[in-house]
């Protein structure tokens, strides 16, 4: 490991805004067929996975992001047995899925095999052995093509992709066409959770566009937020379904379902947190209502 106690990592959020934090070492620095991959050691956040210059998770606060992404969907579904994740190469989404005794099958599709290999070697605390669970099938193919070709249907789908960079591998999975495919791959009570980008006021366009594009495919679309310190502020997610609405769940009902279904204790998500996450601030609700931006294959969304 390179000892660099005074080195700073800079992430360009927009052309006019950066965030930075100190790094104490570079554990891995390479490039796959699809993207650059780094694992950084930091005094403030522990080990961090960085793809194409964007921080994906840190050891110290990843539980916030992954619990927020997975558990509202898993709690909303009556009995999730078959689940699917696109992306999530560090394995933490798998870890959270497998905490449910009802889960019988997990399909993970991440096109970049190298991200998984690097994460298993340098960030094993994130997956906690999830890749070796007999219920898990990991495929290194394009998630869009896989879902278009398969006839299998899933109770819960989690889309844990990198940001839609113009030269990145993910931007076609943020489109109206892909969201319609997701709808077709869900069971009748199926739920899909999408990581939807930053909700910082300097870069709202992605979060707002994802919410409005999901509305073209799903009758129920519920945006929600969680504070993720390593990401520099609040992060957006969107939960969608044909008929189940997470905003109908009381704190008591969320806690009851967690107690009945989960085989571990959570650190971030519970009934009270659920109410706060889905209480989206007024300015964000107004931005979503005003926007008519729909992401399509012919008019894709690109972030910075």
C-alpha atoms as a PDB file:
ATOM      1  CA  UNK A   1       0.000   0.000   0.000  1.00  0.00           C
ATOM      2  CA  UNK A   2       1.310   3.433  -0.926  1.00  0.00           C
ATOM      3  CA  UNK A   3       1.631   5.670   2.138  1.00  0.00           C
ATOM      4  CA  UNK A   4       0.222   9.073   1.100  1.00  0.00           C
ATOM      5  CA  UNK A   5      -1.104  10.753   4.273  1.00  0.00           C
ATOM      6  CA  UNK A   6      -1.442  14.212   2.730  1.00  0.00           C
ATOM      7  CA  UNK A   7      -2.999  13.249  -0.584  1.00  0.00           C
ATOM      8  CA  UNK A   8      -6.521  14.404  -1.371  1.00  0.00           C
ATOM      9  CA  UNK A   9      -9.102  12.689  -3.542  1.00  0.00           C
ATOM     10  CA  UNK A  10     -11.162  15.099  -5.648  1.00  0.00           C
ATOM     11  CA  UNK A  11     -14.541  14.139  -7.066  1.00  0.00           C
ATOM     12  CA  UNK A  12     -15.999  16.488  -9.665  1.00  0.00           C
ATOM     13  CA  UNK A  13     -19.710  16.717  -8.879  1.00  0.00           C
ATOM     14  CA  UNK A  14     -20.312  19.308 -11.603  1.00  0.00           C
ATOM     15  CA  UNK A  15     -17.886  21.378 -13.694  1.00  0.00           C
ATOM     16  CA  UNK A  16     -18.236  24.057 -10.997  1.00  0.00           C
ATOM     17  CA  UNK A  17     -18.346  21.989  -7.818  1.00  0.00           C
ATOM     18  CA  UNK A  18     -15.985  19.406  -6.308  1.00  0.00           C
ATOM     19  CA  UNK A  19     -15.840  17.516  -3.044  1.00  0.00           C
ATOM     20  CA  UNK A  20     -12.632  16.184  -1.571  1.00  0.00           C
ATOM     21  CA  UNK A  21     -11.357  14.048   1.266  1.00  0.00           C
ATOM     22  CA  UNK A  22      -7.967  12.936   2.489  1.00  0.00           C
ATOM     23  CA  UNK A  23      -6.631   9.529   1.504  1.00  0.00           C
ATOM     24  CA  UNK A  24      -3.987   7.632   3.450  1.00  0.00           C
ATOM     25  CA  UNK A  25      -3.318   4.951   0.858  1.00  0.00           C
ATOM     26  CA  UNK A  26      -4.160   3.529  -2.569  1.00  0.00           C
ATOM     27  CA  UNK A  27      -4.871  -0.179  -2.268  1.00  0.00           C
ATOM     28  CA  UNK A  28      -5.835  -0.715  -5.902  1.00  0.00           C
ATOM     29  CA  UNK A  29      -5.665   1.412  -9.034  1.00  0.00           C
ATOM     30  CA  UNK A  30      -6.572  -0.135 -12.367  1.00  0.00           C
ATOM     31  CA  UNK A  31      -8.894  -0.158 -15.315  1.00  0.00           C
ATOM     32  CA  UNK A  32     -11.303  -2.782 -16.589  1.00  0.00           C
ATOM     33  CA  UNK A  33     -12.806  -3.027 -20.045  1.00  0.00           C
ATOM     34  CA  UNK A  34     -15.587  -0.712 -18.880  1.00  0.00           C
ATOM     35  CA  UNK A  35     -14.282   1.775 -16.318  1.00  0.00           C
ATOM     36  CA  UNK A  36     -11.488   2.847 -14.000  1.00  0.00           C
ATOM     37  CA  UNK A  37     -11.425   1.128 -10.590  1.00  0.00           C
ATOM     38  CA  UNK A  38      -9.782   2.342  -7.407  1.00  0.00           C
ATOM     39  CA  UNK A  39      -9.852   1.257  -3.789  1.00  0.00           C
ATOM     40  CA  UNK A  40      -8.696   4.064  -1.504  1.00  0.00           C
ATOM     41  CA  UNK A  41      -7.894   4.017   2.191  1.00  0.00           C
ATOM     42  CA  UNK A  42      -9.134   7.129   3.982  1.00  0.00           C
ATOM     43  CA  UNK A  43      -8.933   8.400   7.573  1.00  0.00           C
ATOM     44  CA  UNK A  44     -12.533   9.617   7.498  1.00  0.00           C
ATOM     45  CA  UNK A  45     -14.414   6.823   5.737  1.00  0.00           C
ATOM     46  CA  UNK A  46     -12.215   3.727   5.779  1.00  0.00           C
ATOM     47  CA  UNK A  47     -11.769   1.894   2.503  1.00  0.00           C
ATOM     48  CA  UNK A  48     -13.685   3.346  -0.439  1.00  0.00           C
ATOM     49  CA  UNK A  49     -14.576   1.962  -3.863  1.00  0.00           C
ATOM     50  CA  UNK A  50     -14.247   4.543  -6.648  1.00  0.00           C
ATOM     51  CA  UNK A  51     -15.395   3.927 -10.248  1.00  0.00           C
ATOM     52  CA  UNK A  52     -14.646   6.402 -13.040  1.00  0.00           C
ATOM     53  CA  UNK A  53     -13.652   8.959 -10.422  1.00  0.00           C
ATOM     54  CA  UNK A  54     -16.971   8.667  -8.528  1.00  0.00           C
ATOM     55  CA  UNK A  55     -17.102   7.269  -5.012  1.00  0.00           C
ATOM     56  CA  UNK A  56     -19.451   4.275  -4.874  1.00  0.00           C
ATOM     57  CA  UNK A  57     -19.295   3.340  -1.209  1.00  0.00           C
ATOM     58  CA  UNK A  58     -17.208   3.610   1.922  1.00  0.00           C
ATOM     59  CA  UNK A  59     -16.754   1.107   4.727  1.00  0.00           C
ATOM     60  CA  UNK A  60     -17.945   3.538   7.403  1.00  0.00           C
ATOM     61  CA  UNK A  61     -21.295   4.626   5.975  1.00  0.00           C
ATOM     62  CA  UNK A  62     -22.183   2.129   3.239  1.00  0.00           C
ATOM     63  CA  UNK A  63     -24.806   0.613   5.556  1.00  0.00           C
ATOM     64  CA  UNK A  64     -26.885   3.788   5.155  1.00  0.00           C
ATOM     65  CA  UNK A  65     -26.944   3.631   1.374  1.00  0.00           C
ATOM     66  CA  UNK A  66     -27.491  -0.119   1.082  1.00  0.00           C
ATOM     67  CA  UNK A  67     -30.148  -0.371   3.775  1.00  0.00           C
ATOM     68  CA  UNK A  68     -31.974   2.578   2.191  1.00  0.00           C
ATOM     69  CA  UNK A  69     -31.776   1.008  -1.262  1.00  0.00           C
ATOM     70  CA  UNK A  70     -32.860  -2.522  -0.343  1.00  0.00           C
ATOM     71  CA  UNK A  71     -35.114  -2.628   2.697  1.00  0.00           C
ATOM     72  CA  UNK A  72     -38.025  -0.338   1.768  1.00  0.00           C
ATOM     73  CA  UNK A  73     -38.667  -2.538  -1.266  1.00  0.00           C
ATOM     74  CA  UNK A  74     -38.225  -5.783   0.658  1.00  0.00           C
ATOM     75  CA  UNK A  75     -40.551  -4.605   3.421  1.00  0.00           C
ATOM     76  CA  UNK A  76     -43.191  -3.402   0.965  1.00  0.00           C
ATOM     77  CA  UNK A  77     -43.500  -6.721  -0.885  1.00  0.00           C
ATOM     78  CA  UNK A  78     -45.744  -9.254   0.906  1.00  0.00           C
ATOM     79  CA  UNK A  79     -43.218 -12.117   0.696  1.00  0.00           C
ATOM     80  CA  UNK A  80     -40.131 -11.568  -1.482  1.00  0.00           C
ATOM     81  CA  UNK A  81     -38.709 -14.870  -2.710  1.00  0.00           C
ATOM     82  CA  UNK A  82     -37.024 -14.070  -6.040  1.00  0.00           C
ATOM     83  CA  UNK A  83     -34.898 -10.943  -6.285  1.00  0.00           C
ATOM     84  CA  UNK A  84     -32.668  -9.324  -8.898  1.00  0.00           C
ATOM     85  CA  UNK A  85     -29.926  -6.731  -8.714  1.00  0.00           C
ATOM     86  CA  UNK A  86     -28.314  -4.866 -11.596  1.00  0.00           C
ATOM     87  CA  UNK A  87     -24.860  -3.619 -10.612  1.00  0.00           C
ATOM     88  CA  UNK A  88     -23.890  -3.757  -6.953  1.00  0.00           C
ATOM     89  CA  UNK A  89     -20.484  -5.257  -7.653  1.00  0.00           C
ATOM     90  CA  UNK A  90     -19.181  -4.778  -4.122  1.00  0.00           C
ATOM     91  CA  UNK A  91     -21.770  -7.304  -2.891  1.00  0.00           C
ATOM     92  CA  UNK A  92     -23.534  -5.257  -0.216  1.00  0.00           C
ATOM     93  CA  UNK A  93     -26.951  -5.434  -1.910  1.00  0.00           C
ATOM     94  CA  UNK A  94     -26.612  -9.220  -1.974  1.00  0.00           C
ATOM     95  CA  UNK A  95     -25.753  -9.132   1.729  1.00  0.00           C
ATOM     96  CA  UNK A  96     -28.938  -7.226   2.535  1.00  0.00           C
ATOM     97  CA  UNK A  97     -31.156  -9.446   0.355  1.00  0.00           C
ATOM     98  CA  UNK A  98     -29.832 -12.586   2.027  1.00  0.00           C
ATOM     99  CA  UNK A  99     -30.843 -11.327   5.466  1.00  0.00           C
ATOM    100  CA  UNK A 100     -34.449 -12.256   4.561  1.00  0.00           C
ATOM    101  CA  UNK A 101     -35.391 -15.856   5.305  1.00  0.00           C
ATOM    102  CA  UNK A 102     -38.044 -15.748   2.578  1.00  0.00           C
ATOM    103  CA  UNK A 103     -35.482 -15.208  -0.212  1.00  0.00           C
ATOM    104  CA  UNK A 104     -34.955 -18.349  -2.283  1.00  0.00           C
ATOM    105  CA  UNK A 105     -33.153 -17.003  -5.359  1.00  0.00           C
ATOM    106  CA  UNK A 106     -30.994 -13.958  -6.075  1.00  0.00           C
ATOM    107  CA  UNK A 107     -29.808 -13.072  -9.573  1.00  0.00           C
ATOM    108  CA  UNK A 108     -27.054 -10.484  -9.769  1.00  0.00           C
ATOM    109  CA  UNK A 109     -26.014  -9.066 -13.135  1.00  0.00           C
ATOM    110  CA  UNK A 110     -22.907  -6.905 -13.198  1.00  0.00           C
ATOM    111  CA  UNK A 111     -21.183  -6.548 -16.538  1.00  0.00           C
ATOM    112  CA  UNK A 112     -17.810  -5.780 -14.963  1.00  0.00           C
ATOM    113  CA  UNK A 113     -16.310  -8.936 -13.490  1.00  0.00           C
ATOM    114  CA  UNK A 114     -13.240  -7.005 -12.357  1.00  0.00           C
ATOM    115  CA  UNK A 115     -15.222  -4.801  -9.950  1.00  0.00           C
ATOM    116  CA  UNK A 116     -16.439  -7.908  -8.143  1.00  0.00           C
ATOM    117  CA  UNK A 117     -12.963  -9.446  -8.045  1.00  0.00           C
ATOM    118  CA  UNK A 118     -11.401  -6.259  -6.678  1.00  0.00           C
ATOM    119  CA  UNK A 119     -14.188  -5.825  -4.107  1.00  0.00           C
ATOM    120  CA  UNK A 120     -13.882  -9.401  -2.883  1.00  0.00           C
ATOM    121  CA  UNK A 121     -10.158  -8.932  -2.363  1.00  0.00           C
ATOM    122  CA  UNK A 122     -10.015  -5.441  -0.885  1.00  0.00           C
ATOM    123  CA  UNK A 123     -13.531  -4.849   0.528  1.00  0.00           C
ATOM    124  CA  UNK A 124     -14.675  -8.227   1.908  1.00  0.00           C
ATOM    125  CA  UNK A 125     -16.526  -6.557   4.785  1.00  0.00           C
ATOM    126  CA  UNK A 126     -19.137  -5.321   2.311  1.00  0.00           C
ATOM    127  CA  UNK A 127     -20.223  -8.668   0.866  1.00  0.00           C
ATOM    128  CA  UNK A 128     -19.606 -10.701   4.065  1.00  0.00           C
ATOM    129  CA  UNK A 129     -19.545 -13.957   2.094  1.00  0.00           C
ATOM    130  CA  UNK A 130     -22.696 -13.205   0.076  1.00  0.00           C
ATOM    131  CA  UNK A 131     -21.113 -14.225  -3.230  1.00  0.00           C
ATOM    132  CA  UNK A 132     -20.679 -17.771  -1.908  1.00  0.00           C
ATOM    133  CA  UNK A 133     -24.298 -18.233  -0.820  1.00  0.00           C
ATOM    134  CA  UNK A 134     -26.006 -21.077  -2.713  1.00  0.00           C
ATOM    135  CA  UNK A 135     -29.055 -18.885  -3.416  1.00  0.00           C
ATOM    136  CA  UNK A 136     -26.977 -16.426  -5.467  1.00  0.00           C
ATOM    137  CA  UNK A 137     -26.322 -16.550  -9.207  1.00  0.00           C
ATOM    138  CA  UNK A 138     -23.854 -13.949 -10.511  1.00  0.00           C
ATOM    139  CA  UNK A 139     -23.776 -13.175 -14.246  1.00  0.00           C
ATOM    140  CA  UNK A 140     -21.341 -10.917 -16.107  1.00  0.00           C
ATOM    141  CA  UNK A 141     -23.573  -9.816 -18.953  1.00  0.00           C
ATOM    142  CA  UNK A 142     -25.468  -6.691 -19.934  1.00  0.00           C
ATOM    143  CA  UNK A 143     -28.384  -6.255 -17.512  1.00  0.00           C
ATOM    144  CA  UNK A 144     -30.579  -4.645 -20.150  1.00  0.00           C
ATOM    145  CA  UNK A 145     -30.205  -7.565 -22.554  1.00  0.00           C
ATOM    146  CA  UNK A 146     -30.599 -10.120 -19.768  1.00  0.00           C
ATOM    147  CA  UNK A 147     -33.931  -8.673 -18.656  1.00  0.00           C
ATOM    148  CA  UNK A 148     -35.133  -8.339 -22.250  1.00  0.00           C
ATOM    149  CA  UNK A 149     -34.333 -11.995 -22.972  1.00  0.00           C
ATOM    150  CA  UNK A 150     -35.347 -13.752 -19.748  1.00  0.00           C
ATOM    151  CA  UNK A 151     -38.897 -14.862 -19.053  1.00  0.00           C
ATOM    152  CA  UNK A 152     -38.259 -15.096 -15.317  1.00  0.00           C
ATOM    153  CA  UNK A 153     -40.163 -12.693 -13.079  1.00  0.00           C
ATOM    154  CA  UNK A 154     -38.947 -11.218  -9.812  1.00  0.00           C
ATOM    155  CA  UNK A 155     -40.598 -10.037  -6.626  1.00  0.00           C
ATOM    156  CA  UNK A 156     -38.034  -7.304  -5.970  1.00  0.00           C
ATOM    157  CA  UNK A 157     -35.604  -5.642  -8.374  1.00  0.00           C
ATOM    158  CA  UNK A 158     -32.848  -3.292  -7.231  1.00  0.00           C
ATOM    159  CA  UNK A 159     -31.023  -1.125  -9.749  1.00  0.00           C
ATOM    160  CA  UNK A 160     -27.678  -0.235  -8.161  1.00  0.00           C
ATOM    161  CA  UNK A 161     -25.820   1.178 -11.141  1.00  0.00           C
ATOM    162  CA  UNK A 162     -23.049   3.687 -11.553  1.00  0.00           C
ATOM    163  CA  UNK A 163     -24.063   7.163 -12.624  1.00  0.00           C
ATOM    164  CA  UNK A 164     -25.051   7.596 -16.294  1.00  0.00           C
ATOM    165  CA  UNK A 165     -21.789   9.017 -17.612  1.00  0.00           C
ATOM    166  CA  UNK A 166     -21.576   9.564 -21.363  1.00  0.00           C
ATOM    167  CA  UNK A 167     -18.667   7.150 -21.714  1.00  0.00           C
ATOM    168  CA  UNK A 168     -19.836   4.816 -18.926  1.00  0.00           C
ATOM    169  CA  UNK A 169     -21.548   1.412 -19.061  1.00  0.00           C
ATOM    170  CA  UNK A 170     -24.870   2.351 -17.415  1.00  0.00           C
ATOM    171  CA  UNK A 171     -26.664   5.176 -19.200  1.00  0.00           C
ATOM    172  CA  UNK A 172     -29.035   2.995 -21.274  1.00  0.00           C
ATOM    173  CA  UNK A 173     -30.382   1.527 -18.023  1.00  0.00           C
ATOM    174  CA  UNK A 174     -31.785   4.927 -17.009  1.00  0.00           C
ATOM    175  CA  UNK A 175     -34.299   5.094 -19.877  1.00  0.00           C
ATOM    176  CA  UNK A 176     -38.044   4.808 -20.371  1.00  0.00           C
ATOM    177  CA  UNK A 177     -37.487   1.728 -22.505  1.00  0.00           C
ATOM    178  CA  UNK A 178     -35.522  -0.034 -19.768  1.00  0.00           C
ATOM    179  CA  UNK A 179     -38.043   0.866 -17.082  1.00  0.00           C
ATOM    180  CA  UNK A 180     -40.818  -0.676 -19.183  1.00  0.00           C
ATOM    181  CA  UNK A 181     -38.732  -3.839 -19.393  1.00  0.00           C
ATOM    182  CA  UNK A 182     -38.399  -3.785 -15.595  1.00  0.00           C
ATOM    183  CA  UNK A 183     -42.158  -3.580 -15.204  1.00  0.00           C
ATOM    184  CA  UNK A 184     -42.600  -6.606 -17.457  1.00  0.00           C
ATOM    185  CA  UNK A 185     -40.139  -8.630 -15.361  1.00  0.00           C
ATOM    186  CA  UNK A 186     -41.991  -8.085 -12.073  1.00  0.00           C
ATOM    187  CA  UNK A 187     -44.498 -10.384 -10.408  1.00  0.00           C
ATOM    188  CA  UNK A 188     -47.941  -8.789  -9.798  1.00  0.00           C
ATOM    189  CA  UNK A 189     -46.876  -7.375  -6.402  1.00  0.00           C
ATOM    190  CA  UNK A 190     -43.342  -6.730  -7.629  1.00  0.00           C
ATOM    191  CA  UNK A 191     -41.351  -3.709  -6.486  1.00  0.00           C
ATOM    192  CA  UNK A 192     -38.357  -2.006  -8.065  1.00  0.00           C
ATOM    193  CA  UNK A 193     -35.932   0.291  -6.218  1.00  0.00           C
ATOM    194  CA  UNK A 194     -33.625   2.522  -8.262  1.00  0.00           C
ATOM    195  CA  UNK A 195     -30.662   4.479  -6.971  1.00  0.00           C
ATOM    196  CA  UNK A 196     -31.476   7.848  -8.497  1.00  0.00           C
ATOM    197  CA  UNK A 197     -28.496  10.112  -7.874  1.00  0.00           C
ATOM    198  CA  UNK A 198     -27.708  13.151  -5.811  1.00  0.00           C
ATOM    199  CA  UNK A 199     -30.435  15.435  -4.530  1.00  0.00           C
ATOM    200  CA  UNK A 200     -27.999  18.273  -3.925  1.00  0.00           C
ATOM    201  CA  UNK A 201     -29.370  21.553  -5.245  1.00  0.00           C
ATOM    202  CA  UNK A 202     -26.333  21.857  -7.551  1.00  0.00           C
ATOM    203  CA  UNK A 203     -27.225  18.661  -9.448  1.00  0.00           C
ATOM    204  CA  UNK A 204     -30.932  17.870  -9.200  1.00  0.00           C
ATOM    205  CA  UNK A 205     -31.647  17.144 -12.852  1.00  0.00           C
ATOM    206  CA  UNK A 206     -30.838  13.447 -12.698  1.00  0.00           C
ATOM    207  CA  UNK A 207     -32.997  12.638  -9.675  1.00  0.00           C
ATOM    208  CA  UNK A 208     -35.943  14.591 -11.077  1.00  0.00           C
ATOM    209  CA  UNK A 209     -35.651  13.016 -14.546  1.00  0.00           C
ATOM    210  CA  UNK A 210     -35.456   9.467 -13.162  1.00  0.00           C
ATOM    211  CA  UNK A 211     -38.611   9.980 -11.081  1.00  0.00           C
ATOM    212  CA  UNK A 212     -40.564  11.367 -14.020  1.00  0.00           C
ATOM    213  CA  UNK A 213     -39.343   8.681 -16.398  1.00  0.00           C
ATOM    214  CA  UNK A 214     -40.377   5.929 -13.976  1.00  0.00           C
ATOM    215  CA  UNK A 215     -43.855   7.487 -13.901  1.00  0.00           C
ATOM    216  CA  UNK A 216     -44.264   6.611 -17.600  1.00  0.00           C
ATOM    217  CA  UNK A 217     -43.901   2.905 -16.741  1.00  0.00           C
ATOM    218  CA  UNK A 218     -45.358   2.502 -13.222  1.00  0.00           C
ATOM    219  CA  UNK A 219     -48.630   3.632 -11.615  1.00  0.00           C
ATOM    220  CA  UNK A 220     -46.931   4.059  -8.213  1.00  0.00           C
ATOM    221  CA  UNK A 221     -43.669   6.040  -8.039  1.00  0.00           C
ATOM    222  CA  UNK A 222     -42.328   7.105  -4.629  1.00  0.00           C
ATOM    223  CA  UNK A 223     -39.088   9.131  -4.484  1.00  0.00           C
ATOM    224  CA  UNK A 224     -37.157   9.087  -1.210  1.00  0.00           C
ATOM    225  CA  UNK A 225     -33.895  10.302   0.312  1.00  0.00           C
ATOM    226  CA  UNK A 226     -31.126   9.347   2.712  1.00  0.00           C
ATOM    227  CA  UNK A 227     -28.125  11.286   3.989  1.00  0.00           C
ATOM    228  CA  UNK A 228     -24.917   9.526   2.886  1.00  0.00           C
ATOM    229  CA  UNK A 229     -21.883  11.432   4.231  1.00  0.00           C
ATOM    230  CA  UNK A 230     -19.356   9.950   1.792  1.00  0.00           C
ATOM    231  CA  UNK A 231     -21.517  11.159  -1.091  1.00  0.00           C
ATOM    232  CA  UNK A 232     -21.464  14.718   0.200  1.00  0.00           C
ATOM    233  CA  UNK A 233     -25.117  15.025   1.193  1.00  0.00           C
ATOM    234  CA  UNK A 234     -28.557  13.548   0.559  1.00  0.00           C
ATOM    235  CA  UNK A 235     -28.899  10.801  -2.001  1.00  0.00           C
ATOM    236  CA  UNK A 236     -32.012   9.980  -3.969  1.00  0.00           C
ATOM    237  CA  UNK A 237     -33.816   6.703  -4.558  1.00  0.00           C
ATOM    238  CA  UNK A 238     -37.102   5.850  -6.236  1.00  0.00           C
ATOM    239  CA  UNK A 239     -39.417   2.960  -5.412  1.00  0.00           C
ATOM    240  CA  UNK A 240     -41.968   1.902  -8.038  1.00  0.00           C
ATOM    241  CA  UNK A 241     -44.672  -0.741  -8.373  1.00  0.00           C
ATOM    242  CA  UNK A 242     -47.997  -1.487  -9.998  1.00  0.00           C
ATOM    243  CA  UNK A 243     -50.051  -1.028  -6.842  1.00  0.00           C
ATOM    244  CA  UNK A 244     -48.084  -1.115  -3.568  1.00  0.00           C
ATOM    245  CA  UNK A 245     -47.133   2.260  -2.102  1.00  0.00           C
ATOM    246  CA  UNK A 246     -44.487   2.525   0.649  1.00  0.00           C
ATOM    247  CA  UNK A 247     -46.047   5.791   1.827  1.00  0.00           C
ATOM    248  CA  UNK A 248     -49.053   3.782   3.053  1.00  0.00           C
ATOM    249  CA  UNK A 249     -46.948   1.902   5.612  1.00  0.00           C
ATOM    250  CA  UNK A 250     -46.972   3.155   9.195  1.00  0.00           C
ATOM    251  CA  UNK A 251     -43.846   3.140  11.345  1.00  0.00           C
ATOM    252  CA  UNK A 252     -45.355   0.353  13.404  1.00  0.00           C
ATOM    253  CA  UNK A 253     -46.079  -1.787  10.342  1.00  0.00           C
ATOM    254  CA  UNK A 254     -42.554  -1.368   8.994  1.00  0.00           C
ATOM    255  CA  UNK A 255     -41.103  -2.433  12.338  1.00  0.00           C
ATOM    256  CA  UNK A 256     -43.489  -5.386  12.558  1.00  0.00           C
ATOM    257  CA  UNK A 257     -42.485  -6.659   9.121  1.00  0.00           C
ATOM    258  CA  UNK A 258     -38.779  -6.220   9.831  1.00  0.00           C
ATOM    259  CA  UNK A 259     -39.071  -8.169  13.094  1.00  0.00           C
ATOM    260  CA  UNK A 260     -40.960 -10.989  11.378  1.00  0.00           C
ATOM    261  CA  UNK A 261     -38.798 -11.291   8.258  1.00  0.00           C
ATOM    262  CA  UNK A 262     -35.235 -10.229   8.977  1.00  0.00           C
ATOM    263  CA  UNK A 263     -32.510 -12.402  10.490  1.00  0.00           C
ATOM    264  CA  UNK A 264     -30.205  -9.546  11.525  1.00  0.00           C
ATOM    265  CA  UNK A 265     -30.344  -6.115  13.123  1.00  0.00           C
ATOM    266  CA  UNK A 266     -30.166  -3.007  10.957  1.00  0.00           C
ATOM    267  CA  UNK A 267     -28.226   0.146  11.796  1.00  0.00           C
ATOM    268  CA  UNK A 268     -30.093   2.741   9.717  1.00  0.00           C
ATOM    269  CA  UNK A 269     -33.519   1.617   8.534  1.00  0.00           C
ATOM    270  CA  UNK A 270     -36.592   1.164  10.721  1.00  0.00           C
ATOM    271  CA  UNK A 271     -40.143   2.453  10.897  1.00  0.00           C
ATOM    272  CA  UNK A 272     -39.217   5.968  11.984  1.00  0.00           C
ATOM    273  CA  UNK A 273     -36.462   6.237   9.367  1.00  0.00           C
ATOM    274  CA  UNK A 274     -38.962   5.037   6.747  1.00  0.00           C
ATOM    275  CA  UNK A 275     -41.288   7.939   7.457  1.00  0.00           C
ATOM    276  CA  UNK A 276     -38.455  10.439   7.215  1.00  0.00           C
ATOM    277  CA  UNK A 277     -37.035   9.006   3.976  1.00  0.00           C
ATOM    278  CA  UNK A 278     -40.333   9.322   2.125  1.00  0.00           C
ATOM    279  CA  UNK A 279     -41.003  12.855   3.469  1.00  0.00           C
ATOM    280  CA  UNK A 280     -39.431  14.527   0.435  1.00  0.00           C
ATOM    281  CA  UNK A 281     -38.804  18.286   0.840  1.00  0.00           C
ATOM    282  CA  UNK A 282     -41.181  20.697  -0.872  1.00  0.00           C
ATOM    283  CA  UNK A 283     -38.665  22.070  -3.377  1.00  0.00           C
ATOM    284  CA  UNK A 284     -37.922  18.553  -4.663  1.00  0.00           C
ATOM    285  CA  UNK A 285     -41.618  17.699  -4.955  1.00  0.00           C
ATOM    286  CA  UNK A 286     -42.168  20.922  -6.880  1.00  0.00           C
ATOM    287  CA  UNK A 287     -39.202  20.268  -9.183  1.00  0.00           C
ATOM    288  CA  UNK A 288     -40.541  16.803 -10.011  1.00  0.00           C
ATOM    289  CA  UNK A 289     -44.024  18.208 -10.652  1.00  0.00           C
ATOM    290  CA  UNK A 290     -42.677  20.969 -12.929  1.00  0.00           C
ATOM    291  CA  UNK A 291     -40.304  18.838 -14.954  1.00  0.00           C
ATOM    292  CA  UNK A 292     -41.314  17.169 -18.215  1.00  0.00           C
ATOM    293  CA  UNK A 293     -37.917  15.544 -18.830  1.00  0.00           C
ATOM    294  CA  UNK A 294     -38.310  11.919 -19.906  1.00  0.00           C
ATOM    295  CA  UNK A 295     -35.144   9.860 -20.430  1.00  0.00           C
ATOM    296  CA  UNK A 296     -35.183   7.725 -23.583  1.00  0.00           C
ATOM    297  CA  UNK A 297     -32.675   5.828 -25.681  1.00  0.00           C
ATOM    298  CA  UNK A 298     -32.790   8.683 -28.206  1.00  0.00           C
ATOM    299  CA  UNK A 299     -32.612  11.329 -25.476  1.00  0.00           C
ATOM    300  CA  UNK A 300     -30.420   9.837 -22.733  1.00  0.00           C
ATOM    301  CA  UNK A 301     -29.485  11.369 -19.415  1.00  0.00           C
ATOM    302  CA  UNK A 302     -25.821  12.114 -18.736  1.00  0.00           C
ATOM    303  CA  UNK A 303     -24.443  13.357 -15.449  1.00  0.00           C
ATOM    304  CA  UNK A 304     -21.052  14.977 -14.923  1.00  0.00           C
END
